[in-house]
Amino acid sequence: MENYVRSGTLKHFVPDLEIKYIPEESHFVQEQFPDQVNQLVITFLKNHI
């Protein structure tokens, strides 16, 4: 899945897709880094609403 996302193929199907990586992340990134995830969501919403 990571190769599929990183290759840019996914943007073909979802052109406005924005992907952000948190280097130390794991499966539960929203629990490990809630402040960073919240800021990314807020920034996304401000740019798309």
PDB file of N, CA and C in Angstrom:
ATOM      1  N   MET A   1       0.813  -1.187   0.000  1.00  0.00           N
ATOM      2  CA  MET A   1       0.000   0.000   0.000  1.00  0.00           C
ATOM      3  C   MET A   1       0.861   1.256   0.000  1.00  0.00           C
ATOM      4  N   GLU A   2       1.936   1.234   0.774  1.00  0.00           N
ATOM      5  CA  GLU A   2       2.801   2.422   0.842  1.00  0.00           C
ATOM      6  C   GLU A   2       3.342   2.784  -0.536  1.00  0.00           C
ATOM      7  N   ASN A   3       3.777   1.790  -1.305  1.00  0.00           N
ATOM      8  CA  ASN A   3       4.283   2.068  -2.648  1.00  0.00           C
ATOM      9  C   ASN A   3       3.197   2.669  -3.535  1.00  0.00           C
ATOM     10  N   TYR A   4       1.993   2.167  -3.400  1.00  0.00           N
ATOM     11  CA  TYR A   4       0.861   2.668  -4.172  1.00  0.00           C
ATOM     12  C   TYR A   4       0.612   4.140  -3.853  1.00  0.00           C
ATOM     13  N   VAL A   5       0.659   4.491  -2.579  1.00  0.00           N
ATOM     14  CA  VAL A   5       0.422   5.870  -2.165  1.00  0.00           C
ATOM     15  C   VAL A   5       1.585   6.763  -2.581  1.00  0.00           C
ATOM     16  N   ARG A   6       2.803   6.334  -2.291  1.00  0.00           N
ATOM     17  CA  ARG A   6       3.987   7.153  -2.576  1.00  0.00           C
ATOM     18  C   ARG A   6       4.261   7.312  -4.068  1.00  0.00           C
ATOM     19  N   SER A   7       3.810   6.383  -4.893  1.00  0.00           N
ATOM     20  CA  SER A   7       4.085   6.445  -6.328  1.00  0.00           C
ATOM     21  C   SER A   7       3.301   7.543  -7.031  1.00  0.00           C
ATOM     22  N   GLY A   8       2.254   8.044  -6.401  1.00  0.00           N
ATOM     23  CA  GLY A   8       1.429   9.059  -7.032  1.00  0.00           C
ATOM     24  C   GLY A   8       0.240   8.489  -7.784  1.00  0.00           C
ATOM     25  N   THR A   9       0.141   7.167  -7.853  1.00  0.00           N
ATOM     26  CA  THR A   9      -0.965   6.526  -8.545  1.00  0.00           C
ATOM     27  C   THR A   9      -2.301   6.904  -7.931  1.00  0.00           C
ATOM     28  N   LEU A  10      -2.335   7.020  -6.638  1.00  0.00           N
ATOM     29  CA  LEU A  10      -3.570   7.345  -5.935  1.00  0.00           C
ATOM     30  C   LEU A  10      -4.095   8.718  -6.347  1.00  0.00           C
ATOM     31  N   LYS A  11      -3.196   9.674  -6.636  1.00  0.00           N
ATOM     32  CA  LYS A  11      -3.615  11.012  -7.056  1.00  0.00           C
ATOM     33  C   LYS A  11      -4.345  10.972  -8.391  1.00  0.00           C
ATOM     34  N   HIS A  12      -4.141   9.946  -9.168  1.00  0.00           N
ATOM     35  CA  HIS A  12      -4.874   9.789 -10.424  1.00  0.00           C
ATOM     36  C   HIS A  12      -6.371   9.647 -10.137  1.00  0.00           C
ATOM     37  N   PHE A  13      -6.704   8.962  -9.076  1.00  0.00           N
ATOM     38  CA  PHE A  13      -8.096   8.725  -8.712  1.00  0.00           C
ATOM     39  C   PHE A  13      -8.656   9.803  -7.779  1.00  0.00           C
ATOM     40  N   VAL A  14      -7.764  10.454  -7.023  1.00  0.00           N
ATOM     41  CA  VAL A  14      -8.175  11.494  -6.069  1.00  0.00           C
ATOM     42  C   VAL A  14      -7.248  12.698  -6.292  1.00  0.00           C
ATOM     43  N   PRO A  15      -7.537  13.523  -7.319  1.00  0.00           N
ATOM     44  CA  PRO A  15      -6.604  14.588  -7.709  1.00  0.00           C
ATOM     45  C   PRO A  15      -6.290  15.617  -6.619  1.00  0.00           C
ATOM     46  N   ASP A  16      -7.218  15.893  -5.719  1.00  0.00           N
ATOM     47  CA  ASP A  16      -6.972  16.885  -4.668  1.00  0.00           C
ATOM     48  C   ASP A  16      -6.390  16.276  -3.397  1.00  0.00           C
ATOM     49  N   LEU A  17      -5.948  15.051  -3.491  1.00  0.00           N
ATOM     50  CA  LEU A  17      -5.416  14.342  -2.336  1.00  0.00           C
ATOM     51  C   LEU A  17      -4.171  15.032  -1.789  1.00  0.00           C
ATOM     52  N   GLU A  18      -4.119  15.173  -0.481  1.00  0.00           N
ATOM     53  CA  GLU A  18      -2.924  15.671   0.199  1.00  0.00           C
ATOM     54  C   GLU A  18      -2.489  14.607   1.198  1.00  0.00           C
ATOM     55  N   ILE A  19      -1.253  14.197   1.097  1.00  0.00           N
ATOM     56  CA  ILE A  19      -0.727  13.180   2.009  1.00  0.00           C
ATOM     57  C   ILE A  19       0.389  13.815   2.826  1.00  0.00           C
ATOM     58  N   LYS A  20       0.297  13.671   4.126  1.00  0.00           N
ATOM     59  CA  LYS A  20       1.321  14.181   5.032  1.00  0.00           C
ATOM     60  C   LYS A  20       1.886  13.002   5.808  1.00  0.00           C
ATOM     61  N   TYR A  21       3.186  12.972   5.962  1.00  0.00           N
ATOM     62  CA  TYR A  21       3.847  11.896   6.685  1.00  0.00           C
ATOM     63  C   TYR A  21       4.427  12.428   7.990  1.00  0.00           C
ATOM     64  N   ILE A  22       4.245  11.673   9.034  1.00  0.00           N
ATOM     65  CA  ILE A  22       4.877  11.957  10.320  1.00  0.00           C
ATOM     66  C   ILE A  22       5.898  10.835  10.504  1.00  0.00           C
ATOM     67  N   PRO A  23       7.184  11.168  10.466  1.00  0.00           N
ATOM     68  CA  PRO A  23       8.233  10.141  10.423  1.00  0.00           C
ATOM     69  C   PRO A  23       8.147   9.058  11.498  1.00  0.00           C
ATOM     70  N   GLU A  24       7.768   9.413  12.716  1.00  0.00           N
ATOM     71  CA  GLU A  24       7.756   8.436  13.808  1.00  0.00           C
ATOM     72  C   GLU A  24       6.422   7.705  13.928  1.00  0.00           C
ATOM     73  N   GLU A  25       5.551   7.895  12.966  1.00  0.00           N
ATOM     74  CA  GLU A  25       4.199   7.368  13.071  1.00  0.00           C
ATOM     75  C   GLU A  25       4.128   5.847  13.094  1.00  0.00           C
ATOM     76  N   SER A  26       2.997   5.374  13.576  1.00  0.00           N
ATOM     77  CA  SER A  26       2.680   3.951  13.507  1.00  0.00           C
ATOM     78  C   SER A  26       1.215   3.850  13.092  1.00  0.00           C
ATOM     79  N   HIS A  27       0.587   2.765  13.398  1.00  0.00           N
ATOM     80  CA  HIS A  27      -0.791   2.540  12.980  1.00  0.00           C
ATOM     81  C   HIS A  27      -1.770   3.510  13.639  1.00  0.00           C
ATOM     82  N   PHE A  28      -1.478   3.959  14.852  1.00  0.00           N
ATOM     83  CA  PHE A  28      -2.394   4.838  15.587  1.00  0.00           C
ATOM     84  C   PHE A  28      -1.807   6.235  15.730  1.00  0.00           C
ATOM     85  N   VAL A  29      -1.495   6.843  14.606  1.00  0.00           N
ATOM     86  CA  VAL A  29      -0.835   8.147  14.605  1.00  0.00           C
ATOM     87  C   VAL A  29      -1.667   9.202  15.337  1.00  0.00           C
ATOM     88  N   GLN A  30      -2.989   9.121  15.243  1.00  0.00           N
ATOM     89  CA  GLN A  30      -3.846  10.103  15.913  1.00  0.00           C
ATOM     90  C   GLN A  30      -3.758  10.000  17.428  1.00  0.00           C
ATOM     91  N   GLU A  31      -3.372   8.852  17.944  1.00  0.00           N
ATOM     92  CA  GLU A  31      -3.205   8.695  19.389  1.00  0.00           C
ATOM     93  C   GLU A  31      -1.788   9.045  19.834  1.00  0.00           C
ATOM     94  N   GLN A  32      -0.809   8.773  18.981  1.00  0.00           N
ATOM     95  CA  GLN A  32       0.580   9.057  19.344  1.00  0.00           C
ATOM     96  C   GLN A  32       0.922  10.537  19.207  1.00  0.00           C
ATOM     97  N   PHE A  33       0.356  11.183  18.195  1.00  0.00           N
ATOM     98  CA  PHE A  33       0.689  12.571  17.905  1.00  0.00           C
ATOM     99  C   PHE A  33      -0.581  13.399  17.691  1.00  0.00           C
ATOM    100  N   PRO A  34      -1.437  13.475  18.702  1.00  0.00           N
ATOM    101  CA  PRO A  34      -2.731  14.147  18.505  1.00  0.00           C
ATOM    102  C   PRO A  34      -2.599  15.624  18.113  1.00  0.00           C
ATOM    103  N   ASP A  35      -1.645  16.334  18.676  1.00  0.00           N
ATOM    104  CA  ASP A  35      -1.495  17.754  18.350  1.00  0.00           C
ATOM    105  C   ASP A  35      -1.114  17.953  16.890  1.00  0.00           C
ATOM    106  N   GLN A  36      -0.183  17.135  16.395  1.00  0.00           N
ATOM    107  CA  GLN A  36       0.230  17.245  15.005  1.00  0.00           C
ATOM    108  C   GLN A  36      -0.905  16.863  14.056  1.00  0.00           C
ATOM    109  N   VAL A  37      -1.603  15.799  14.367  1.00  0.00           N
ATOM    110  CA  VAL A  37      -2.711  15.358  13.521  1.00  0.00           C
ATOM    111  C   VAL A  37      -3.812  16.411  13.516  1.00  0.00           C
ATOM    112  N   ASN A  38      -4.148  16.940  14.679  1.00  0.00           N
ATOM    113  CA  ASN A  38      -5.176  17.978  14.746  1.00  0.00           C
ATOM    114  C   ASN A  38      -4.789  19.196  13.915  1.00  0.00           C
ATOM    115  N   GLN A  39      -3.537  19.599  13.992  1.00  0.00           N
ATOM    116  CA  GLN A  39      -3.102  20.759  13.219  1.00  0.00           C
ATOM    117  C   GLN A  39      -3.182  20.480  11.717  1.00  0.00           C
ATOM    118  N   LEU A  40      -2.833  19.289  11.308  1.00  0.00           N
ATOM    119  CA  LEU A  40      -2.944  18.930   9.887  1.00  0.00           C
ATOM    120  C   LEU A  40      -4.398  18.960   9.423  1.00  0.00           C
ATOM    121  N   VAL A  41      -5.300  18.449  10.240  1.00  0.00           N
ATOM    122  CA  VAL A  41      -6.725  18.452   9.895  1.00  0.00           C
ATOM    123  C   VAL A  41      -7.254  19.884   9.829  1.00  0.00           C
ATOM    124  N   ILE A  42      -6.897  20.703  10.805  1.00  0.00           N
ATOM    125  CA  ILE A  42      -7.350  22.097  10.815  1.00  0.00           C
ATOM    126  C   ILE A  42      -6.844  22.835   9.583  1.00  0.00           C
ATOM    127  N   THR A  43      -5.587  22.662   9.261  1.00  0.00           N
ATOM    128  CA  THR A  43      -5.011  23.313   8.080  1.00  0.00           C
ATOM    129  C   THR A  43      -5.723  22.848   6.807  1.00  0.00           C
ATOM    130  N   PHE A  44      -5.970  21.554   6.694  1.00  0.00           N
ATOM    131  CA  PHE A  44      -6.683  21.019   5.533  1.00  0.00           C
ATOM    132  C   PHE A  44      -8.058  21.662   5.409  1.00  0.00           C
ATOM    133  N   LEU A  45      -8.788  21.705   6.501  1.00  0.00           N
ATOM    134  CA  LEU A  45     -10.141  22.262   6.479  1.00  0.00           C
ATOM    135  C   LEU A  45     -10.132  23.745   6.116  1.00  0.00           C
ATOM    136  N   LYS A  46      -9.180  24.499   6.657  1.00  0.00           N
ATOM    137  CA  LYS A  46      -9.094  25.913   6.331  1.00  0.00           C
ATOM    138  C   LYS A  46      -8.838  26.125   4.841  1.00  0.00           C
ATOM    139  N   ASN A  47      -8.088  25.221   4.225  1.00  0.00           N
ATOM    140  CA  ASN A  47      -7.763  25.352   2.816  1.00  0.00           C
ATOM    141  C   ASN A  47      -8.842  24.819   1.879  1.00  0.00           C
ATOM    142  N   HIS A  48      -9.802  24.085   2.420  1.00  0.00           N
ATOM    143  CA  HIS A  48     -10.788  23.449   1.537  1.00  0.00           C
ATOM    144  C   HIS A  48     -12.232  23.783   1.866  1.00  0.00           C
ATOM    145  N   ILE A  49     -12.455  24.678   2.770  1.00  0.00           N
ATOM    146  CA  ILE A  49     -13.843  25.063   3.088  1.00  0.00           C
ATOM    147  C   ILE A  49     -14.094  26.471   2.624  1.00  0.00           C
TER     148      ILE A  49
END
